[in-house]
Amino acid sequence: MEERDAGRGRARIARYVAIITDGNGRWAQQRGLPVWEGHRAGAETVRACLRDAVELGIEELTIYAFSTENWARSDDEVGALMGLMTLYLEQETPRLHTEGVRIRVIGRRSAPVPADVLRAIEWAEQLTAANRRITLYIPFNYGGRAEIVDAARRFADGGEEEFRALLYAPDMHDPEVVIRTGGEQRLSNYLLWQLADATLVVRPELWPDFDRAALQAAATLPGRR
């Protein structure tokens, strides 16, 4: 495991990391493949990235899966993404559970999300709820503005802490680093409340090509004097 916080002024790996997984479609296009193949390859990268995060000592990893804006994509692509989410949870959750991974899915849990996807989400969360090795947050049917609006509808009075308690996952630590793959410099409506003080790191790799070396480089915080 990488050395962390061993001394003042020494670089360390961030404990709390969020990733915007951009580039699945471009990756598939470059190879003459249908877009769903890019998303399948991206799911494989999630598996590898989670393993690497554990070994690097990251405690919370947040990986964007499906945004509220993604409903505007073609029916075929949306259907493929819904199926992939269900398949990933059903196949990966038992293994992740034995490895001590806690799964938390954040976002709106209502139509048009299919019922079988919601059942898979609830099952994965319940099975892994007591695990503490690392928490994998999966924003699904998620939008940063939607999260703030949903919290604001229930907010009666108080300050930032009282408002934060109404977010989808109030126990989530604010990410220290947000990584965007694919080269674009946008937040894409991602964790708008939580990323107020995060370091933005843009990586050139398309998400399916993102590897351990890229994660380690992006998640390394410079030493502070």
C-alpha atoms as a PDB file:
ATOM      1  CA  MET A   1       0.000   0.000   0.000  1.00  0.00           C
ATOM      2  CA  GLU A   2       1.233   3.499  -0.748  1.00  0.00           C
ATOM      3  CA  GLU A   3       2.599   5.582   2.115  1.00  0.00           C
ATOM      4  CA  ARG A   4       0.084   8.172   3.247  1.00  0.00           C
ATOM      5  CA  ASP A   5       0.405  11.159   5.534  1.00  0.00           C
ATOM      6  CA  ALA A   6       3.780   9.925   6.790  1.00  0.00           C
ATOM      7  CA  GLY A   7       5.104  13.441   7.180  1.00  0.00           C
ATOM      8  CA  ARG A   8       4.307  17.021   6.578  1.00  0.00           C
ATOM      9  CA  GLY A   9       5.050  18.157   3.028  1.00  0.00           C
ATOM     10  CA  ARG A  10       5.074  14.606   1.658  1.00  0.00           C
ATOM     11  CA  ALA A  11       2.864  13.598  -1.281  1.00  0.00           C
ATOM     12  CA  ARG A  12       0.086  11.137  -0.513  1.00  0.00           C
ATOM     13  CA  ILE A  13      -2.730   9.223  -2.171  1.00  0.00           C
ATOM     14  CA  ALA A  14      -6.134  10.848  -1.694  1.00  0.00           C
ATOM     15  CA  ARG A  15      -8.505   8.964   0.580  1.00  0.00           C
ATOM     16  CA  TYR A  16     -11.653  10.089  -1.225  1.00  0.00           C
ATOM     17  CA  VAL A  17     -11.686   9.983  -5.031  1.00  0.00           C
ATOM     18  CA  ALA A  18     -14.447  10.598  -7.572  1.00  0.00           C
ATOM     19  CA  ILE A  19     -14.228   9.726 -11.258  1.00  0.00           C
ATOM     20  CA  ILE A  20     -16.134  10.942 -14.321  1.00  0.00           C
ATOM     21  CA  THR A  21     -15.858   7.964 -16.654  1.00  0.00           C
ATOM     22  CA  ASP A  22     -15.802   9.574 -20.092  1.00  0.00           C
ATOM     23  CA  GLY A  23     -14.885   7.958 -23.366  1.00  0.00           C
ATOM     24  CA  ASN A  24     -16.658   4.591 -23.660  1.00  0.00           C
ATOM     25  CA  GLY A  25     -18.412   5.594 -26.882  1.00  0.00           C
ATOM     26  CA  ARG A  26     -15.288   7.056 -28.458  1.00  0.00           C
ATOM     27  CA  TRP A  27     -13.301   3.967 -27.475  1.00  0.00           C
ATOM     28  CA  ALA A  28     -15.813   1.748 -29.282  1.00  0.00           C
ATOM     29  CA  GLN A  29     -15.977   4.054 -32.303  1.00  0.00           C
ATOM     30  CA  GLN A  30     -12.213   4.025 -32.714  1.00  0.00           C
ATOM     31  CA  ARG A  31     -12.359   0.227 -32.931  1.00  0.00           C
ATOM     32  CA  GLY A  32     -15.382  -0.008 -35.205  1.00  0.00           C
ATOM     33  CA  LEU A  33     -17.468  -1.542 -32.434  1.00  0.00           C
ATOM     34  CA  PRO A  34     -21.048  -0.819 -31.319  1.00  0.00           C
ATOM     35  CA  VAL A  35     -21.285   1.618 -28.423  1.00  0.00           C
ATOM     36  CA  TRP A  36     -22.457  -1.062 -25.991  1.00  0.00           C
ATOM     37  CA  GLU A  37     -19.064  -2.753 -26.398  1.00  0.00           C
ATOM     38  CA  GLY A  38     -17.488   0.438 -25.108  1.00  0.00           C
ATOM     39  CA  HIS A  39     -19.743   0.388 -22.072  1.00  0.00           C
ATOM     40  CA  ARG A  40     -18.915  -3.285 -21.482  1.00  0.00           C
ATOM     41  CA  ALA A  41     -15.207  -2.492 -21.626  1.00  0.00           C
ATOM     42  CA  GLY A  42     -15.855   0.410 -19.265  1.00  0.00           C
ATOM     43  CA  ALA A  43     -17.475  -1.954 -16.766  1.00  0.00           C
ATOM     44  CA  GLU A  44     -14.337  -4.095 -16.838  1.00  0.00           C
ATOM     45  CA  THR A  45     -12.320  -0.978 -16.035  1.00  0.00           C
ATOM     46  CA  VAL A  46     -14.545  -0.288 -13.027  1.00  0.00           C
ATOM     47  CA  ARG A  47     -13.677  -3.736 -11.691  1.00  0.00           C
ATOM     48  CA  ALA A  48      -9.947  -3.184 -12.149  1.00  0.00           C
ATOM     49  CA  CYS A  49     -10.061   0.376 -10.823  1.00  0.00           C
ATOM     50  CA  LEU A  50     -11.778  -0.734  -7.629  1.00  0.00           C
ATOM     51  CA  ARG A  51      -9.113  -3.369  -7.032  1.00  0.00           C
ATOM     52  CA  ASP A  52      -6.363  -0.822  -7.620  1.00  0.00           C
ATOM     53  CA  ALA A  53      -8.056   1.689  -5.327  1.00  0.00           C
ATOM     54  CA  VAL A  54      -8.064  -0.816  -2.471  1.00  0.00           C
ATOM     55  CA  GLU A  55      -4.366  -1.536  -2.975  1.00  0.00           C
ATOM     56  CA  LEU A  56      -3.547   2.175  -3.076  1.00  0.00           C
ATOM     57  CA  GLY A  57      -5.391   2.822   0.162  1.00  0.00           C
ATOM     58  CA  ILE A  58      -8.336   4.796  -1.196  1.00  0.00           C
ATOM     59  CA  GLU A  59     -11.239   4.590   1.245  1.00  0.00           C
ATOM     60  CA  GLU A  60     -14.105   5.934  -0.875  1.00  0.00           C
ATOM     61  CA  LEU A  61     -14.321   5.664  -4.647  1.00  0.00           C
ATOM     62  CA  THR A  62     -17.195   7.305  -6.514  1.00  0.00           C
ATOM     63  CA  ILE A  63     -17.646   6.257 -10.149  1.00  0.00           C
ATOM     64  CA  TYR A  64     -20.295   7.859 -12.371  1.00  0.00           C
ATOM     65  CA  ALA A  65     -22.531   5.229 -13.972  1.00  0.00           C
ATOM     66  CA  PHE A  66     -25.577   6.970 -15.449  1.00  0.00           C
ATOM     67  CA  SER A  67     -26.615  10.620 -15.312  1.00  0.00           C
ATOM     68  CA  THR A  68     -30.064  12.159 -15.479  1.00  0.00           C
ATOM     69  CA  GLU A  69     -28.991  13.612 -18.846  1.00  0.00           C
ATOM     70  CA  ASN A  70     -28.217  10.133 -20.235  1.00  0.00           C
ATOM     71  CA  TRP A  71     -31.924   9.438 -20.745  1.00  0.00           C
ATOM     72  CA  ALA A  72     -31.642  11.591 -23.878  1.00  0.00           C
ATOM     73  CA  ARG A  73     -29.445   8.957 -25.536  1.00  0.00           C
ATOM     74  CA  SER A  74     -30.880   6.413 -27.970  1.00  0.00           C
ATOM     75  CA  ASP A  75     -33.270   3.788 -26.652  1.00  0.00           C
ATOM     76  CA  ASP A  76     -30.807   1.055 -27.594  1.00  0.00           C
ATOM     77  CA  GLU A  77     -27.953   2.651 -25.669  1.00  0.00           C
ATOM     78  CA  VAL A  78     -30.113   3.385 -22.619  1.00  0.00           C
ATOM     79  CA  GLY A  79     -31.396  -0.186 -22.646  1.00  0.00           C
ATOM     80  CA  ALA A  80     -27.848  -1.515 -22.857  1.00  0.00           C
ATOM     81  CA  LEU A  81     -26.778   0.644 -19.907  1.00  0.00           C
ATOM     82  CA  MET A  82     -29.725  -0.505 -17.788  1.00  0.00           C
ATOM     83  CA  GLY A  83     -28.952  -4.131 -18.568  1.00  0.00           C
ATOM     84  CA  LEU A  84     -25.267  -3.642 -17.862  1.00  0.00           C
ATOM     85  CA  MET A  85     -25.995  -2.084 -14.470  1.00  0.00           C
ATOM     86  CA  THR A  86     -28.163  -5.030 -13.455  1.00  0.00           C
ATOM     87  CA  LEU A  87     -25.657  -7.568 -14.769  1.00  0.00           C
ATOM     88  CA  TYR A  88     -22.731  -5.864 -13.033  1.00  0.00           C
ATOM     89  CA  LEU A  89     -24.488  -5.793  -9.674  1.00  0.00           C
ATOM     90  CA  GLU A  90     -25.728  -9.371  -9.904  1.00  0.00           C
ATOM     91  CA  GLN A  91     -22.367 -10.782 -10.985  1.00  0.00           C
ATOM     92  CA  GLU A  92     -19.969  -8.610  -9.009  1.00  0.00           C
ATOM     93  CA  THR A  93     -21.716  -8.019  -5.698  1.00  0.00           C
ATOM     94  CA  PRO A  94     -21.056 -11.483  -4.164  1.00  0.00           C
ATOM     95  CA  ARG A  95     -17.331 -11.185  -4.911  1.00  0.00           C
ATOM     96  CA  LEU A  96     -17.145  -7.593  -3.749  1.00  0.00           C
ATOM     97  CA  HIS A  97     -18.939  -8.580  -0.559  1.00  0.00           C
ATOM     98  CA  THR A  98     -16.315 -11.214   0.266  1.00  0.00           C
ATOM     99  CA  GLU A  99     -13.627  -8.585  -0.344  1.00  0.00           C
ATOM    100  CA  GLY A 100     -15.158  -6.135   2.120  1.00  0.00           C
ATOM    101  CA  VAL A 101     -16.547  -3.620  -0.388  1.00  0.00           C
ATOM    102  CA  ARG A 102     -19.596  -1.595   0.610  1.00  0.00           C
ATOM    103  CA  ILE A 103     -21.816  -0.582  -2.326  1.00  0.00           C
ATOM    104  CA  ARG A 104     -23.880   2.601  -2.209  1.00  0.00           C
ATOM    105  CA  VAL A 105     -25.904   3.782  -5.208  1.00  0.00           C
ATOM    106  CA  ILE A 106     -26.911   7.453  -5.213  1.00  0.00           C
ATOM    107  CA  GLY A 107     -29.504   9.118  -7.408  1.00  0.00           C
ATOM    108  CA  ARG A 108     -33.232   9.195  -8.000  1.00  0.00           C
ATOM    109  CA  ARG A 109     -34.888   5.822  -7.470  1.00  0.00           C
ATOM    110  CA  SER A 110     -38.009   6.261  -9.485  1.00  0.00           C
ATOM    111  CA  ALA A 111     -39.326   5.782 -13.007  1.00  0.00           C
ATOM    112  CA  PRO A 112     -38.066   5.557 -15.646  1.00  0.00           C
ATOM    113  CA  VAL A 113     -35.487   3.352 -13.899  1.00  0.00           C
ATOM    114  CA  PRO A 114     -36.689  -0.252 -14.512  1.00  0.00           C
ATOM    115  CA  ALA A 115     -37.907  -2.224 -11.520  1.00  0.00           C
ATOM    116  CA  ASP A 116     -35.329  -4.992 -11.990  1.00  0.00           C
ATOM    117  CA  VAL A 117     -32.508  -2.435 -11.789  1.00  0.00           C
ATOM    118  CA  LEU A 118     -33.944  -0.998  -8.562  1.00  0.00           C
ATOM    119  CA  ARG A 119     -34.225  -4.495  -7.067  1.00  0.00           C
ATOM    120  CA  ALA A 120     -30.592  -5.234  -7.926  1.00  0.00           C
ATOM    121  CA  ILE A 121     -29.496  -1.951  -6.346  1.00  0.00           C
ATOM    122  CA  GLU A 122     -31.371  -2.589  -3.105  1.00  0.00           C
ATOM    123  CA  TRP A 123     -30.062  -6.160  -2.883  1.00  0.00           C
ATOM    124  CA  ALA A 124     -26.430  -5.115  -3.442  1.00  0.00           C
ATOM    125  CA  GLU A 125     -26.663  -2.365  -0.829  1.00  0.00           C
ATOM    126  CA  GLN A 126     -28.276  -4.589   1.774  1.00  0.00           C
ATOM    127  CA  LEU A 127     -25.782  -7.421   1.271  1.00  0.00           C
ATOM    128  CA  THR A 128     -22.718  -5.185   1.593  1.00  0.00           C
ATOM    129  CA  ALA A 129     -24.009  -2.678   4.161  1.00  0.00           C
ATOM    130  CA  ALA A 130     -21.687  -3.792   6.991  1.00  0.00           C
ATOM    131  CA  ASN A 131     -18.482  -3.871   4.921  1.00  0.00           C
ATOM    132  CA  ARG A 132     -15.762  -1.336   5.711  1.00  0.00           C
ATOM    133  CA  ARG A 133     -12.716  -2.022   3.526  1.00  0.00           C
ATOM    134  CA  ILE A 134     -13.749   0.511   0.878  1.00  0.00           C
ATOM    135  CA  THR A 135     -17.019   2.165  -0.117  1.00  0.00           C
ATOM    136  CA  LEU A 136     -17.939   2.213  -3.788  1.00  0.00           C
ATOM    137  CA  TYR A 137     -20.426   4.985  -4.489  1.00  0.00           C
ATOM    138  CA  ILE A 138     -22.222   4.597  -7.816  1.00  0.00           C
ATOM    139  CA  PRO A 139     -24.116   7.686  -9.022  1.00  0.00           C
ATOM    140  CA  PHE A 140     -26.947   6.216 -11.117  1.00  0.00           C
ATOM    141  CA  ASN A 141     -29.842   8.247 -12.511  1.00  0.00           C
ATOM    142  CA  TYR A 142     -27.885  11.006 -10.832  1.00  0.00           C
ATOM    143  CA  GLY A 143     -27.495  14.726 -11.445  1.00  0.00           C
ATOM    144  CA  GLY A 144     -25.777  17.227  -9.211  1.00  0.00           C
ATOM    145  CA  ARG A 145     -28.509  19.822  -9.685  1.00  0.00           C
ATOM    146  CA  ALA A 146     -31.221  17.216  -9.123  1.00  0.00           C
ATOM    147  CA  GLU A 147     -29.585  16.197  -5.843  1.00  0.00           C
ATOM    148  CA  ILE A 148     -29.531  19.803  -4.633  1.00  0.00           C
ATOM    149  CA  VAL A 149     -33.131  20.388  -5.742  1.00  0.00           C
ATOM    150  CA  ASP A 150     -34.302  17.209  -4.002  1.00  0.00           C
ATOM    151  CA  ALA A 151     -32.547  18.287  -0.795  1.00  0.00           C
ATOM    152  CA  ALA A 152     -33.887  21.837  -1.046  1.00  0.00           C
ATOM    153  CA  ARG A 153     -37.474  20.565  -1.252  1.00  0.00           C
ATOM    154  CA  ARG A 154     -37.054  19.001   2.202  1.00  0.00           C
ATOM    155  CA  PHE A 155     -34.875  21.686   3.769  1.00  0.00           C
ATOM    156  CA  ALA A 156     -36.655  23.653   6.467  1.00  0.00           C
ATOM    157  CA  ASP A 157     -34.011  25.603   8.338  1.00  0.00           C
ATOM    158  CA  GLY A 158     -30.362  25.570   9.367  1.00  0.00           C
ATOM    159  CA  GLY A 159     -26.941  25.815   7.780  1.00  0.00           C
ATOM    160  CA  GLU A 160     -24.679  23.738   5.559  1.00  0.00           C
ATOM    161  CA  GLU A 161     -24.564  20.720   7.858  1.00  0.00           C
ATOM    162  CA  GLU A 162     -28.351  20.530   8.078  1.00  0.00           C
ATOM    163  CA  PHE A 163     -28.605  20.831   4.291  1.00  0.00           C
ATOM    164  CA  ARG A 164     -25.895  18.216   3.735  1.00  0.00           C
ATOM    165  CA  ALA A 165     -27.871  15.753   5.848  1.00  0.00           C
ATOM    166  CA  LEU A 166     -30.566  15.816   3.145  1.00  0.00           C
ATOM    167  CA  LEU A 167     -28.257  14.839   0.265  1.00  0.00           C
ATOM    168  CA  TYR A 168     -28.428  11.339  -1.251  1.00  0.00           C
ATOM    169  CA  ALA A 169     -25.431  10.103   0.776  1.00  0.00           C
ATOM    170  CA  PRO A 170     -24.762  12.498   3.656  1.00  0.00           C
ATOM    171  CA  ASP A 171     -22.123  10.113   5.034  1.00  0.00           C
ATOM    172  CA  MET A 172     -19.995  10.480   1.890  1.00  0.00           C
ATOM    173  CA  HIS A 173     -16.814  12.460   2.442  1.00  0.00           C
ATOM    174  CA  ASP A 174     -16.163  15.312   0.050  1.00  0.00           C
ATOM    175  CA  PRO A 175     -13.832  13.941  -2.639  1.00  0.00           C
ATOM    176  CA  GLU A 176     -10.324  15.333  -2.443  1.00  0.00           C
ATOM    177  CA  VAL A 177      -9.773  14.633  -6.129  1.00  0.00           C
ATOM    178  CA  VAL A 178     -12.170  14.354  -9.066  1.00  0.00           C
ATOM    179  CA  ILE A 179     -10.702  12.638 -12.110  1.00  0.00           C
ATOM    180  CA  ARG A 180     -12.148  13.030 -15.580  1.00  0.00           C
ATOM    181  CA  THR A 181     -11.012  10.697 -18.323  1.00  0.00           C
ATOM    182  CA  GLY A 182     -11.205  11.414 -22.034  1.00  0.00           C
ATOM    183  CA  GLY A 183      -9.556  14.828 -22.009  1.00  0.00           C
ATOM    184  CA  GLU A 184     -12.539  17.141 -21.544  1.00  0.00           C
ATOM    185  CA  GLN A 185     -12.517  19.734 -18.762  1.00  0.00           C
ATOM    186  CA  ARG A 186     -16.126  19.689 -17.544  1.00  0.00           C
ATOM    187  CA  LEU A 187     -17.854  18.573 -14.358  1.00  0.00           C
ATOM    188  CA  SER A 188     -20.928  17.354 -16.269  1.00  0.00           C
ATOM    189  CA  ASN A 189     -23.382  18.020 -13.418  1.00  0.00           C
ATOM    190  CA  TYR A 190     -21.430  15.713 -11.117  1.00  0.00           C
ATOM    191  CA  LEU A 191     -21.405  16.031  -7.310  1.00  0.00           C
ATOM    192  CA  LEU A 192     -21.797  19.792  -7.492  1.00  0.00           C
ATOM    193  CA  TRP A 193     -22.151  20.189  -3.724  1.00  0.00           C
ATOM    194  CA  GLN A 194     -19.407  17.740  -2.751  1.00  0.00           C
ATOM    195  CA  LEU A 195     -16.728  18.931  -5.198  1.00  0.00           C
ATOM    196  CA  ALA A 196     -16.599  22.523  -3.949  1.00  0.00           C
ATOM    197  CA  ASP A 197     -12.976  22.133  -2.780  1.00  0.00           C
ATOM    198  CA  ALA A 198     -11.794  19.171  -4.863  1.00  0.00           C
ATOM    199  CA  THR A 199      -8.772  19.106  -7.152  1.00  0.00           C
ATOM    200  CA  LEU A 200      -9.799  18.505 -10.775  1.00  0.00           C
ATOM    201  CA  VAL A 201      -7.487  16.163 -12.684  1.00  0.00           C
ATOM    202  CA  VAL A 202      -8.129  15.649 -16.398  1.00  0.00           C
ATOM    203  CA  ARG A 203      -6.615  12.511 -17.917  1.00  0.00           C
ATOM    204  CA  PRO A 204      -6.237  11.940 -21.680  1.00  0.00           C
ATOM    205  CA  GLU A 205      -7.097   8.230 -21.535  1.00  0.00           C
ATOM    206  CA  LEU A 206     -10.551   7.102 -22.583  1.00  0.00           C
ATOM    207  CA  TRP A 207     -12.172   5.319 -19.661  1.00  0.00           C
ATOM    208  CA  PRO A 208     -11.611   1.733 -20.918  1.00  0.00           C
ATOM    209  CA  ASP A 209      -7.879   2.546 -21.172  1.00  0.00           C
ATOM    210  CA  PHE A 210      -7.608   4.004 -17.656  1.00  0.00           C
ATOM    211  CA  ASP A 211      -5.211   1.856 -15.622  1.00  0.00           C
ATOM    212  CA  ARG A 212      -3.503   1.653 -12.249  1.00  0.00           C
ATOM    213  CA  ALA A 213      -0.680   3.988 -13.233  1.00  0.00           C
ATOM    214  CA  ALA A 214      -3.181   6.631 -14.351  1.00  0.00           C
ATOM    215  CA  LEU A 215      -5.192   6.252 -11.132  1.00  0.00           C
ATOM    216  CA  GLN A 216      -2.120   6.535  -8.943  1.00  0.00           C
ATOM    217  CA  ALA A 217      -0.838   9.594 -10.782  1.00  0.00           C
ATOM    218  CA  ALA A 218      -4.229  11.332 -10.707  1.00  0.00           C
ATOM    219  CA  ALA A 219      -4.979  10.509  -7.072  1.00  0.00           C
ATOM    220  CA  THR A 220      -1.614  11.638  -5.718  1.00  0.00           C
ATOM    221  CA  LEU A 221      -1.890  14.888  -3.824  1.00  0.00           C
ATOM    222  CA  PRO A 222       1.197  17.098  -3.635  1.00  0.00           C
ATOM    223  CA  GLY A 223       2.786  17.680  -0.266  1.00  0.00           C
ATOM    224  CA  ARG A 224       1.783  20.799   1.593  1.00  0.00           C
ATOM    225  CA  ARG A 225       4.306  23.046   3.265  1.00  0.00           C
END
